[in-house]
Each structure stands twice: as C-alpha cells, then as structure tokens.
C-alpha cells in the first residue's frame, strides 16, 4: 500500500521536472525548437514519460504558459504593493529573464491554434491588468489619462525591452541605457520615486 503513494509523489515530481525543463528551454531561447526529446533530455528523464503526463507537446506548452501567466500576475500584485508601484512595474517588465521568456513563448504562437489562443488570451489578460493598474496609479497622482494611451505606453515599454533583449543577444547595446533612462525619467515625472 505504501508503494503506490510513493509513486504518486515521484510522479508529481517527474511531471514538475518536465514543466520546469520546458520553461527553462523557453527561457534559453529554444522557442520553436522545443521538442519532447529536448524537454526530457533537459529534465534528465526518458522521453516517453512526457507523453505519460501530457498527451501532446501542446498540452505541455499550455501548462507552461498558464504557469508563467500565474507567476506574472503574482509579480504584478507584488509590484503594486511597492512604495513606487510604477517603477516596480517597469522593473518587472525590464527583467531580462522575463523578456527572453516572453519572446520564447511568442515564438510558440504558430505551433497550433490552441497554443496561440492561450498565449493571446494570457497576454491580453495580463496587459489589461497592467493598463488598469497603471491608469489608476497615474490618476491617483493627478495625471488624468485615457486607458488607451496607457495601453500604448505599456506596449512601447515592452517593445523596447524585447528589442533591447534581442540586440543584446548579438552584443549590440548602443542606445539601450539611454532608452531605459528616458522611460525611467517619464516615470519619475509622474510623481514616482526621485
């Protein structure tokens, strides 16, 4: 009787190792080259185990997307509790690990319709949460802004970071620090940290 319980614990751990490995590969930029073999190789497991826990690679990718989305929401909630939430949101979105992982996930959007739909749903939901939070923060600071303008600002900031991340991968950094300084100056001008 004790043996099945132990196997369930081992099984849960193996499943977690597979999800961890898939996420790590995406974070390393594996995006479109991710496969059952690369995931289980990274996890140190036999490839057939992936299909024991997930019926398809898409099912695994969906699990990774949902996990990342839950973590991004928790990070946003944490940023909103900081003394300068606008700066904390900016720092959250400029984390190189986050931008690389986001790029890896976007690369998977063409994999299948269910994966694309989940990525789009998660991205829209997260962006809407950021727009709502930033609009409220700006309004509290006396800057009456249209949420559509805030959506544009958030898009520009994330596009800047994806470009910085992409260029940095090739050793190009001209203008990167200056772009960050411009955005941080705008944040400070809204009544944030000095």
N, C-alpha and C. Protein backbone atom coordinates (compact mmCIF):
# COMPACT_ATOMS: atom_id res chain seq x y z
N UNK A 1 0.82 -1.20 0.00
CA UNK A 1 0.00 0.00 0.00
C UNK A 1 0.86 1.26 0.00
N UNK A 2 1.99 1.25 0.67
CA UNK A 2 2.83 2.43 0.72
C UNK A 2 3.47 2.73 -0.63
N UNK A 3 3.74 1.70 -1.43
CA UNK A 3 4.40 1.89 -2.72
C UNK A 3 3.61 2.79 -3.68
N UNK A 4 2.29 2.60 -3.90
CA UNK A 4 1.58 3.50 -4.82
C UNK A 4 1.65 4.96 -4.40
N UNK A 5 1.60 5.21 -3.09
CA UNK A 5 1.68 6.59 -2.62
C UNK A 5 3.04 7.19 -2.99
N UNK A 6 4.10 6.42 -2.81
CA UNK A 6 5.43 6.89 -3.17
C UNK A 6 5.52 7.18 -4.66
N UNK A 7 4.93 6.33 -5.48
CA UNK A 7 4.95 6.53 -6.92
C UNK A 7 4.20 7.81 -7.29
N UNK A 8 3.11 8.09 -6.59
CA UNK A 8 2.35 9.31 -6.88
C UNK A 8 3.21 10.54 -6.59
N UNK A 9 3.96 10.51 -5.49
CA UNK A 9 4.85 11.62 -5.17
C UNK A 9 5.94 11.72 -6.24
N UNK A 10 6.54 10.59 -6.60
CA UNK A 10 7.56 10.59 -7.65
C UNK A 10 6.97 11.08 -8.96
N UNK A 11 5.74 10.65 -9.27
CA UNK A 11 5.08 11.06 -10.50
C UNK A 11 4.85 12.55 -10.53
N UNK A 12 4.39 13.11 -9.43
CA UNK A 12 4.18 14.56 -9.38
C UNK A 12 5.51 15.29 -9.57
N UNK A 13 6.55 14.75 -9.01
CA UNK A 13 7.88 15.37 -9.15
C UNK A 13 8.37 15.27 -10.59
N UNK A 14 8.16 14.12 -11.22
CA UNK A 14 8.59 13.96 -12.61
C UNK A 14 7.83 14.93 -13.52
N UNK A 15 6.55 15.05 -13.29
CA UNK A 15 5.73 15.97 -14.09
C UNK A 15 6.26 17.40 -13.92
N UNK A 16 6.56 17.76 -12.68
CA UNK A 16 7.10 19.10 -12.40
C UNK A 16 8.45 19.30 -13.08
N UNK A 17 9.29 18.28 -13.09
CA UNK A 17 10.58 18.36 -13.76
C UNK A 17 10.41 18.62 -15.26
N UNK A 18 9.40 17.99 -15.85
CA UNK A 18 9.14 18.17 -17.28
C UNK A 18 8.69 19.61 -17.55
N UNK A 19 7.79 20.13 -16.74
CA UNK A 19 7.32 21.51 -16.92
C UNK A 19 8.48 22.48 -16.69
N UNK A 20 9.27 22.23 -15.65
CA UNK A 20 10.44 23.08 -15.37
C UNK A 20 11.40 23.10 -16.56
N UNK A 21 11.65 21.91 -17.12
CA UNK A 21 12.59 21.80 -18.24
C UNK A 21 12.06 22.55 -19.47
N UNK A 22 10.77 22.40 -19.75
CA UNK A 22 10.19 23.11 -20.90
C UNK A 22 10.31 24.62 -20.71
N UNK A 23 10.02 25.08 -19.51
CA UNK A 23 10.14 26.52 -19.23
C UNK A 23 11.59 26.98 -19.36
N UNK A 24 12.52 26.18 -18.84
CA UNK A 24 13.94 26.55 -18.93
C UNK A 24 14.40 26.63 -20.38
N UNK A 25 13.93 25.72 -21.22
CA UNK A 25 14.29 25.76 -22.63
C UNK A 25 13.75 27.03 -23.30
N UNK A 26 12.52 27.39 -22.95
CA UNK A 26 11.96 28.63 -23.49
C UNK A 26 12.76 29.83 -23.01
N UNK A 27 13.16 29.81 -21.75
CA UNK A 27 13.94 30.92 -21.19
C UNK A 27 15.31 31.02 -21.85
N UNK A 28 15.81 29.88 -22.35
CA UNK A 28 17.10 29.87 -23.04
C UNK A 28 16.96 30.21 -24.52
N UNK A 29 15.73 30.50 -24.95
CA UNK A 29 15.50 30.89 -26.34
C UNK A 29 15.22 29.73 -27.28
N UNK A 30 14.87 28.56 -26.74
CA UNK A 30 14.64 27.39 -27.58
C UNK A 30 13.36 27.49 -28.40
N UNK A 31 12.40 28.30 -27.95
CA UNK A 31 11.15 28.55 -28.65
C UNK A 31 10.69 27.52 -29.65
N UNK A 32 10.97 27.76 -30.92
CA UNK A 32 10.44 26.91 -31.98
C UNK A 32 11.12 25.55 -32.07
N UNK A 33 12.25 25.36 -31.40
CA UNK A 33 12.95 24.07 -31.48
C UNK A 33 12.63 23.14 -30.32
N UNK A 34 11.72 23.55 -29.46
CA UNK A 34 11.39 22.73 -28.31
C UNK A 34 10.68 21.45 -28.77
N UNK A 35 11.08 20.32 -28.20
CA UNK A 35 10.51 19.03 -28.57
C UNK A 35 10.48 18.13 -27.35
N UNK A 36 9.79 17.02 -27.46
CA UNK A 36 9.74 16.05 -26.36
C UNK A 36 11.15 15.61 -25.98
N UNK A 37 11.97 15.39 -26.98
CA UNK A 37 13.35 14.92 -26.73
C UNK A 37 14.17 15.98 -25.99
N UNK A 38 14.06 17.25 -26.43
CA UNK A 38 14.85 18.30 -25.76
C UNK A 38 14.35 18.54 -24.34
N UNK A 39 13.04 18.46 -24.15
CA UNK A 39 12.47 18.70 -22.82
C UNK A 39 12.89 17.60 -21.86
N UNK A 40 12.69 16.35 -22.25
CA UNK A 40 13.02 15.25 -21.34
C UNK A 40 14.53 15.12 -21.16
N UNK A 41 15.29 15.47 -22.18
CA UNK A 41 16.74 15.48 -22.03
C UNK A 41 17.17 16.50 -20.99
N UNK A 42 16.56 17.68 -21.04
CA UNK A 42 16.85 18.73 -20.05
C UNK A 42 16.42 18.29 -18.66
N UNK A 43 15.31 17.55 -18.58
CA UNK A 43 14.79 17.09 -17.28
C UNK A 43 15.54 15.87 -16.76
N UNK A 44 16.33 15.23 -17.61
CA UNK A 44 17.04 14.02 -17.21
C UNK A 44 16.11 12.81 -17.10
N UNK A 45 15.07 12.81 -17.92
CA UNK A 45 14.08 11.73 -17.89
C UNK A 45 13.98 11.08 -19.26
N UNK A 46 13.34 9.93 -19.31
CA UNK A 46 13.10 9.25 -20.59
C UNK A 46 11.98 9.95 -21.34
N UNK A 47 12.12 10.02 -22.66
CA UNK A 47 11.17 10.80 -23.45
C UNK A 47 9.73 10.30 -23.38
N UNK A 48 9.52 9.01 -23.19
CA UNK A 48 8.14 8.51 -23.12
C UNK A 48 7.40 9.02 -21.88
N UNK A 49 8.13 9.46 -20.86
CA UNK A 49 7.48 10.00 -19.67
C UNK A 49 6.70 11.28 -19.96
N UNK A 50 7.18 12.07 -20.92
CA UNK A 50 6.47 13.29 -21.26
C UNK A 50 5.04 12.95 -21.69
N UNK A 51 4.90 11.91 -22.51
CA UNK A 51 3.57 11.55 -23.02
C UNK A 51 2.75 10.76 -22.01
N UNK A 52 3.38 10.37 -20.93
CA UNK A 52 2.62 9.77 -19.83
C UNK A 52 1.88 10.88 -19.07
N UNK A 53 2.53 12.00 -18.88
CA UNK A 53 1.95 13.11 -18.13
C UNK A 53 1.18 14.10 -19.00
N UNK A 54 1.56 14.20 -20.27
CA UNK A 54 0.91 15.13 -21.20
C UNK A 54 0.61 14.35 -22.48
N UNK A 55 -0.60 14.44 -22.95
CA UNK A 55 -0.96 13.68 -24.16
C UNK A 55 -0.24 14.19 -25.40
N UNK A 56 0.05 15.50 -25.42
CA UNK A 56 0.72 16.09 -26.57
C UNK A 56 1.72 17.14 -26.08
N UNK A 57 2.60 17.56 -26.96
CA UNK A 57 3.52 18.65 -26.64
C UNK A 57 2.72 19.93 -26.40
N UNK A 58 1.64 20.11 -27.17
CA UNK A 58 0.82 21.30 -26.97
C UNK A 58 0.27 21.37 -25.55
N UNK A 59 -0.12 20.23 -25.02
CA UNK A 59 -0.64 20.18 -23.64
C UNK A 59 0.43 20.66 -22.66
N UNK A 60 1.66 20.23 -22.89
CA UNK A 60 2.78 20.67 -22.04
C UNK A 60 2.99 22.17 -22.19
N UNK A 61 3.01 22.66 -23.42
CA UNK A 61 3.24 24.08 -23.65
C UNK A 61 2.13 24.91 -22.99
N UNK A 62 0.89 24.45 -23.08
CA UNK A 62 -0.22 25.15 -22.43
C UNK A 62 -0.01 25.22 -20.92
N UNK A 63 0.48 24.14 -20.34
CA UNK A 63 0.77 24.13 -18.90
C UNK A 63 1.84 25.16 -18.55
N UNK A 64 2.87 25.26 -19.38
CA UNK A 64 3.94 26.23 -19.15
C UNK A 64 3.39 27.65 -19.27
N UNK A 65 2.59 27.91 -20.30
CA UNK A 65 2.02 29.25 -20.50
C UNK A 65 1.17 29.63 -19.29
N UNK A 66 0.36 28.71 -18.80
CA UNK A 66 -0.50 29.00 -17.64
C UNK A 66 0.33 29.25 -16.38
N UNK A 67 1.37 28.50 -16.21
CA UNK A 67 2.25 28.68 -15.05
C UNK A 67 2.91 30.04 -15.08
N UNK A 68 3.42 30.42 -16.25
CA UNK A 68 4.09 31.72 -16.39
C UNK A 68 3.09 32.84 -16.17
N UNK A 69 1.89 32.69 -16.70
CA UNK A 69 0.86 33.71 -16.51
C UNK A 69 0.53 33.89 -15.03
N UNK A 70 0.39 32.81 -14.29
CA UNK A 70 0.10 32.90 -12.85
C UNK A 70 1.24 33.62 -12.12
N UNK A 71 2.47 33.31 -12.51
CA UNK A 71 3.62 33.96 -11.87
C UNK A 71 3.67 35.45 -12.23
N UNK A 72 3.36 35.81 -13.47
CA UNK A 72 3.35 37.23 -13.86
C UNK A 72 2.30 38.00 -13.08
N UNK A 73 1.15 37.40 -12.87
CA UNK A 73 0.09 38.07 -12.10
C UNK A 73 0.55 38.28 -10.66
N UNK A 74 1.20 37.28 -10.07
CA UNK A 74 1.71 37.45 -8.70
C UNK A 74 2.77 38.55 -8.65
N UNK A 75 3.64 38.60 -9.65
CA UNK A 75 4.67 39.66 -9.69
C UNK A 75 4.04 41.04 -9.83
N UNK A 76 2.98 41.15 -10.61
CA UNK A 76 2.29 42.43 -10.75
C UNK A 76 1.67 42.83 -9.42
N UNK A 77 1.04 41.90 -8.74
CA UNK A 77 0.44 42.19 -7.43
C UNK A 77 1.51 42.65 -6.45
N UNK A 78 2.67 42.02 -6.49
CA UNK A 78 3.78 42.41 -5.62
C UNK A 78 4.27 43.81 -5.98
N UNK A 79 4.40 44.09 -7.27
CA UNK A 79 4.85 45.41 -7.72
C UNK A 79 3.88 46.50 -7.26
N UNK A 80 2.59 46.21 -7.29
CA UNK A 80 1.59 47.20 -6.89
C UNK A 80 1.66 47.51 -5.40
N UNK A 81 2.27 46.63 -4.61
CA UNK A 81 2.40 46.85 -3.18
C UNK A 81 3.70 47.57 -2.81
N UNK A 82 4.54 47.83 -3.80
CA UNK A 82 5.82 48.52 -3.56
C UNK A 82 5.58 50.01 -3.30
N UNK A 83 6.56 50.70 -2.66
CA UNK A 83 6.41 52.14 -2.41
C UNK A 83 6.20 52.95 -3.69
N UNK A 84 6.89 52.57 -4.78
CA UNK A 84 6.67 53.23 -6.08
C UNK A 84 6.24 52.14 -7.07
N UNK A 85 4.94 51.88 -7.14
CA UNK A 85 4.46 50.79 -7.98
C UNK A 85 4.76 50.97 -9.46
N UNK A 86 4.75 52.21 -9.96
CA UNK A 86 5.05 52.41 -11.38
C UNK A 86 6.47 51.97 -11.70
N UNK A 87 7.40 52.37 -10.87
CA UNK A 87 8.79 51.96 -11.07
C UNK A 87 8.92 50.44 -10.92
N UNK A 88 8.22 49.87 -9.96
CA UNK A 88 8.27 48.42 -9.75
C UNK A 88 7.70 47.66 -10.96
N UNK A 89 6.63 48.19 -11.56
CA UNK A 89 6.06 47.56 -12.75
C UNK A 89 7.06 47.64 -13.90
N UNK A 90 7.70 48.79 -14.05
CA UNK A 90 8.73 48.94 -15.08
C UNK A 90 9.86 47.95 -14.86
N UNK A 91 10.35 47.86 -13.62
CA UNK A 91 11.44 46.92 -13.33
C UNK A 91 11.02 45.48 -13.58
N UNK A 92 9.77 45.15 -13.26
CA UNK A 92 9.25 43.81 -13.52
C UNK A 92 9.30 43.52 -15.03
N UNK A 93 8.91 44.49 -15.83
CA UNK A 93 8.86 44.30 -17.28
C UNK A 93 10.22 44.40 -17.95
N UNK A 94 11.23 44.91 -17.23
CA UNK A 94 12.56 45.02 -17.82
C UNK A 94 13.50 43.92 -17.36
N UNK A 95 13.01 43.00 -16.59
CA UNK A 95 13.81 41.86 -16.15
C UNK A 95 14.20 41.06 -17.40
N UNK A 96 15.50 40.94 -17.70
CA UNK A 96 15.91 40.23 -18.92
C UNK A 96 15.37 38.81 -18.99
N UNK A 97 15.27 38.14 -17.87
CA UNK A 97 14.73 36.78 -17.88
C UNK A 97 13.27 36.77 -18.35
N UNK A 98 12.53 37.80 -17.94
CA UNK A 98 11.12 37.90 -18.33
C UNK A 98 11.00 38.17 -19.83
N UNK A 99 11.82 39.09 -20.35
CA UNK A 99 11.70 39.41 -21.77
C UNK A 99 12.12 38.24 -22.65
N UNK A 100 13.16 37.51 -22.26
CA UNK A 100 13.60 36.35 -23.03
C UNK A 100 12.51 35.28 -23.02
N UNK A 101 11.94 35.03 -21.85
CA UNK A 101 10.88 34.03 -21.74
C UNK A 101 9.66 34.45 -22.55
N UNK A 102 9.31 35.73 -22.50
CA UNK A 102 8.17 36.22 -23.30
C UNK A 102 8.42 36.02 -24.78
N UNK A 103 9.63 36.28 -25.22
CA UNK A 103 9.96 36.07 -26.64
C UNK A 103 9.87 34.60 -27.01
N UNK A 104 10.32 33.73 -26.11
CA UNK A 104 10.23 32.28 -26.35
C UNK A 104 8.79 31.82 -26.47
N UNK A 105 7.93 32.36 -25.63
CA UNK A 105 6.52 31.99 -25.68
C UNK A 105 5.88 32.52 -26.96
N UNK A 106 6.18 33.76 -27.33
CA UNK A 106 5.62 34.31 -28.56
C UNK A 106 6.04 33.50 -29.77
N UNK A 107 7.25 32.94 -29.75
CA UNK A 107 7.72 32.11 -30.86
C UNK A 107 6.87 30.85 -31.00
N UNK A 108 6.24 30.42 -29.91
CA UNK A 108 5.41 29.22 -29.96
C UNK A 108 3.99 29.47 -30.46
N UNK A 109 3.64 30.73 -30.66
CA UNK A 109 2.26 31.07 -31.05
C UNK A 109 1.86 30.40 -32.36
N UNK A 110 2.80 30.15 -33.23
CA UNK A 110 2.49 29.50 -34.50
C UNK A 110 2.42 27.98 -34.41
N UNK A 111 2.68 27.44 -33.25
CA UNK A 111 2.73 25.99 -33.08
C UNK A 111 1.39 25.32 -33.36
N UNK A 112 0.34 25.84 -32.79
CA UNK A 112 -1.01 25.29 -33.00
C UNK A 112 -2.04 26.32 -32.58
N UNK A 113 -3.25 26.13 -33.03
CA UNK A 113 -4.32 27.08 -32.69
C UNK A 113 -4.55 27.14 -31.17
N UNK A 114 -4.67 26.00 -30.46
CA UNK A 114 -4.89 26.10 -29.01
C UNK A 114 -3.76 26.82 -28.27
N UNK A 115 -2.52 26.58 -28.67
CA UNK A 115 -1.39 27.26 -28.04
C UNK A 115 -1.45 28.75 -28.35
N UNK A 116 -1.67 29.10 -29.61
CA UNK A 116 -1.78 30.51 -29.99
C UNK A 116 -2.91 31.20 -29.24
N UNK A 117 -4.08 30.54 -29.17
CA UNK A 117 -5.22 31.14 -28.49
C UNK A 117 -4.94 31.37 -27.01
N UNK A 118 -4.26 30.43 -26.36
CA UNK A 118 -3.94 30.59 -24.93
C UNK A 118 -2.90 31.69 -24.72
N UNK A 119 -1.91 31.75 -25.58
CA UNK A 119 -0.90 32.80 -25.47
C UNK A 119 -1.55 34.17 -25.65
N UNK A 120 -2.42 34.30 -26.63
CA UNK A 120 -3.11 35.57 -26.88
C UNK A 120 -4.03 35.92 -25.71
N UNK A 121 -4.78 34.94 -25.22
CA UNK A 121 -5.68 35.18 -24.09
C UNK A 121 -4.89 35.65 -22.88
N UNK A 122 -3.81 34.94 -22.56
CA UNK A 122 -3.00 35.29 -21.39
C UNK A 122 -2.36 36.67 -21.55
N UNK A 123 -1.84 36.96 -22.74
CA UNK A 123 -1.21 38.26 -22.98
C UNK A 123 -2.22 39.39 -22.86
N UNK A 124 -3.40 39.20 -23.43
CA UNK A 124 -4.43 40.24 -23.34
C UNK A 124 -4.87 40.46 -21.90
N UNK A 125 -5.06 39.37 -21.18
CA UNK A 125 -5.48 39.49 -19.78
C UNK A 125 -4.43 40.23 -18.96
N UNK A 126 -3.16 39.86 -19.15
CA UNK A 126 -2.11 40.50 -18.38
C UNK A 126 -1.95 41.96 -18.76
N UNK A 127 -2.02 42.27 -20.06
CA UNK A 127 -1.90 43.66 -20.47
C UNK A 127 -3.06 44.48 -19.93
N UNK A 128 -4.27 43.91 -19.93
CA UNK A 128 -5.43 44.64 -19.39
C UNK A 128 -5.24 44.91 -17.90
N UNK A 129 -4.67 43.95 -17.17
CA UNK A 129 -4.40 44.16 -15.75
C UNK A 129 -3.40 45.29 -15.55
N UNK A 130 -2.36 45.31 -16.37
CA UNK A 130 -1.36 46.37 -16.27
C UNK A 130 -1.96 47.73 -16.62
N UNK A 131 -2.76 47.78 -17.68
CA UNK A 131 -3.39 49.03 -18.08
C UNK A 131 -4.27 49.57 -16.97
N UNK A 132 -5.07 48.70 -16.39
CA UNK A 132 -5.96 49.13 -15.31
C UNK A 132 -5.15 49.67 -14.13
N UNK A 133 -4.11 48.93 -13.74
CA UNK A 133 -3.30 49.33 -12.59
C UNK A 133 -2.56 50.64 -12.85
N UNK A 134 -1.92 50.75 -14.00
CA UNK A 134 -1.15 51.96 -14.31
C UNK A 134 -2.07 53.17 -14.47
N UNK A 135 -3.22 52.98 -15.12
CA UNK A 135 -4.18 54.08 -15.25
C UNK A 135 -4.61 54.58 -13.88
N UNK A 136 -4.92 53.66 -12.99
CA UNK A 136 -5.33 54.04 -11.63
C UNK A 136 -4.20 54.76 -10.90
N UNK A 137 -2.98 54.25 -11.02
CA UNK A 137 -1.84 54.89 -10.35
C UNK A 137 -1.61 56.30 -10.89
N UNK A 138 -1.69 56.46 -12.20
CA UNK A 138 -1.49 57.79 -12.78
C UNK A 138 -2.61 58.75 -12.36
N UNK A 139 -3.84 58.25 -12.35
CA UNK A 139 -4.97 59.09 -11.91
C UNK A 139 -4.80 59.51 -10.45
N UNK A 140 -4.32 58.60 -9.60
CA UNK A 140 -4.08 58.93 -8.19
C UNK A 140 -3.00 60.00 -8.05
N UNK A 141 -2.12 60.09 -9.03
CA UNK A 141 -1.04 61.08 -8.99
C UNK A 141 -1.42 62.37 -9.70
N UNK A 142 -2.70 62.46 -10.09
CA UNK A 142 -3.19 63.69 -10.69
C UNK A 142 -3.05 63.77 -12.20
N UNK A 143 -2.61 62.71 -12.82
CA UNK A 143 -2.47 62.71 -14.28
C UNK A 143 -3.66 61.95 -14.86
N UNK A 144 -4.66 62.68 -15.28
CA UNK A 144 -5.85 62.05 -15.86
C UNK A 144 -5.50 61.55 -17.26
N UNK A 145 -5.46 60.24 -17.41
CA UNK A 145 -5.04 59.65 -18.68
C UNK A 145 -6.09 58.68 -19.20
N UNK A 146 -6.14 58.59 -20.50
CA UNK A 146 -7.01 57.65 -21.19
C UNK A 146 -6.37 56.26 -21.12
N UNK A 147 -7.12 55.24 -20.73
CA UNK A 147 -6.55 53.88 -20.68
C UNK A 147 -5.95 53.44 -22.02
N UNK A 148 -6.48 53.93 -23.14
CA UNK A 148 -5.91 53.56 -24.44
C UNK A 148 -4.48 54.11 -24.57
N UNK A 149 -4.24 55.30 -24.03
CA UNK A 149 -2.89 55.87 -24.04
C UNK A 149 -1.96 55.03 -23.16
N UNK A 150 -2.47 54.61 -22.02
CA UNK A 150 -1.68 53.76 -21.12
C UNK A 150 -1.35 52.44 -21.81
N UNK A 151 -2.31 51.87 -22.52
CA UNK A 151 -2.06 50.62 -23.25
C UNK A 151 -0.92 50.82 -24.25
N UNK A 152 -0.92 51.97 -24.92
CA UNK A 152 0.16 52.27 -25.86
C UNK A 152 1.49 52.41 -25.17
N UNK A 153 1.49 53.07 -24.00
CA UNK A 153 2.74 53.24 -23.24
C UNK A 153 3.29 51.88 -22.81
N UNK A 154 2.41 51.00 -22.34
CA UNK A 154 2.85 49.68 -21.89
C UNK A 154 3.39 48.87 -23.07
N UNK A 155 2.72 48.97 -24.20
CA UNK A 155 3.20 48.28 -25.40
C UNK A 155 4.58 48.79 -25.80
N UNK A 156 4.74 50.11 -25.83
CA UNK A 156 6.03 50.69 -26.22
C UNK A 156 7.13 50.22 -25.26
N UNK A 157 6.86 50.25 -23.97
CA UNK A 157 7.86 49.82 -22.99
C UNK A 157 8.23 48.36 -23.20
N UNK A 158 7.24 47.50 -23.44
CA UNK A 158 7.57 46.08 -23.63
C UNK A 158 8.28 45.86 -24.97
N UNK A 159 7.92 46.63 -26.00
CA UNK A 159 8.60 46.51 -27.29
C UNK A 159 10.06 46.96 -27.18
N UNK A 160 10.28 48.03 -26.43
CA UNK A 160 11.65 48.50 -26.20
C UNK A 160 12.46 47.39 -25.53
N UNK A 161 11.87 46.76 -24.52
CA UNK A 161 12.62 45.72 -23.80
C UNK A 161 12.87 44.50 -24.67
N UNK A 162 11.92 44.10 -25.51
CA UNK A 162 12.15 42.96 -26.41
C UNK A 162 13.27 43.29 -27.40
N UNK A 163 13.29 44.53 -27.88
CA UNK A 163 14.34 44.94 -28.81
C UNK A 163 15.70 44.95 -28.11
N UNK A 164 15.73 45.51 -26.91
CA UNK A 164 16.98 45.51 -26.14
C UNK A 164 17.47 44.09 -25.92
N UNK A 165 16.56 43.21 -25.52
CA UNK A 165 16.92 41.81 -25.28
C UNK A 165 17.45 41.16 -26.55
N UNK A 166 16.75 41.38 -27.66
CA UNK A 166 17.18 40.78 -28.93
C UNK A 166 18.53 41.29 -29.39
N UNK A 167 18.74 42.61 -29.29
CA UNK A 167 20.01 43.19 -29.71
C UNK A 167 21.14 42.78 -28.78
N UNK A 168 20.87 42.73 -27.49
CA UNK A 168 21.90 42.35 -26.52
C UNK A 168 22.41 40.94 -26.79
N UNK A 169 21.52 40.07 -27.29
CA UNK A 169 21.93 38.69 -27.60
C UNK A 169 23.01 38.67 -28.69
N UNK A 170 23.06 39.74 -29.50
CA UNK A 170 24.08 39.83 -30.56
C UNK A 170 25.23 40.76 -30.17
N UNK A 171 25.22 41.23 -28.93
CA UNK A 171 26.30 42.09 -28.46
C UNK A 171 26.12 43.56 -28.79
N UNK A 172 24.93 43.94 -29.24
CA UNK A 172 24.66 45.33 -29.59
C UNK A 172 23.95 46.00 -28.42
N UNK A 173 24.52 47.10 -27.93
CA UNK A 173 23.90 47.78 -26.79
C UNK A 173 23.82 49.29 -26.95
N UNK A 174 24.14 49.78 -28.13
CA UNK A 174 24.10 51.23 -28.37
C UNK A 174 22.69 51.77 -28.15
N UNK A 175 22.56 52.75 -27.26
CA UNK A 175 21.29 53.41 -27.00
C UNK A 175 20.40 52.71 -25.99
N UNK A 176 20.79 51.52 -25.56
CA UNK A 176 19.94 50.76 -24.63
C UNK A 176 19.78 51.48 -23.29
N UNK A 177 20.89 51.90 -22.73
CA UNK A 177 20.83 52.56 -21.42
C UNK A 177 20.07 53.88 -21.53
N UNK A 178 20.27 54.58 -22.62
CA UNK A 178 19.59 55.85 -22.81
C UNK A 178 18.07 55.65 -22.93
N UNK A 179 17.65 54.59 -23.61
CA UNK A 179 16.22 54.29 -23.73
C UNK A 179 15.62 54.00 -22.36
N UNK A 180 16.34 53.23 -21.56
CA UNK A 180 15.87 52.96 -20.19
C UNK A 180 15.75 54.25 -19.39
N UNK A 181 16.76 55.11 -19.51
CA UNK A 181 16.76 56.37 -18.76
C UNK A 181 15.58 57.26 -19.16
N UNK A 182 15.26 57.29 -20.43
CA UNK A 182 14.12 58.10 -20.90
C UNK A 182 12.83 57.61 -20.25
N UNK A 183 12.61 56.30 -20.28
CA UNK A 183 11.38 55.76 -19.70
C UNK A 183 11.35 55.98 -18.20
N UNK A 184 12.47 55.78 -17.52
CA UNK A 184 12.51 55.99 -16.08
C UNK A 184 12.31 57.46 -15.71
N UNK A 185 12.79 58.36 -16.56
CA UNK A 185 12.58 59.79 -16.33
C UNK A 185 11.09 60.11 -16.43
N UNK A 186 10.40 59.54 -17.40
CA UNK A 186 8.96 59.75 -17.53
C UNK A 186 8.24 59.22 -16.30
N UNK A 187 8.66 58.06 -15.81
CA UNK A 187 8.03 57.50 -14.59
C UNK A 187 8.24 58.45 -13.41
N UNK A 188 9.47 58.97 -13.26
CA UNK A 188 9.73 59.89 -12.14
C UNK A 188 8.92 61.17 -12.27
N UNK A 189 8.69 61.62 -13.50
CA UNK A 189 7.93 62.86 -13.72
C UNK A 189 6.45 62.70 -13.37
N UNK A 190 5.99 61.49 -13.24
CA UNK A 190 4.59 61.26 -12.91
C UNK A 190 4.36 61.27 -11.39
N UNK A 191 5.40 61.61 -10.66
CA UNK A 191 5.25 61.67 -9.21
C UNK A 191 5.77 60.44 -8.50
N UNK A 192 6.54 59.64 -9.23
CA UNK A 192 7.10 58.43 -8.63
C UNK A 192 8.36 58.76 -7.86
N UNK A 193 9.22 57.78 -7.73
CA UNK A 193 10.46 57.94 -6.97
C UNK A 193 11.37 58.95 -7.65
N UNK A 194 12.14 59.66 -6.85
CA UNK A 194 13.08 60.64 -7.40
C UNK A 194 14.43 60.01 -7.68
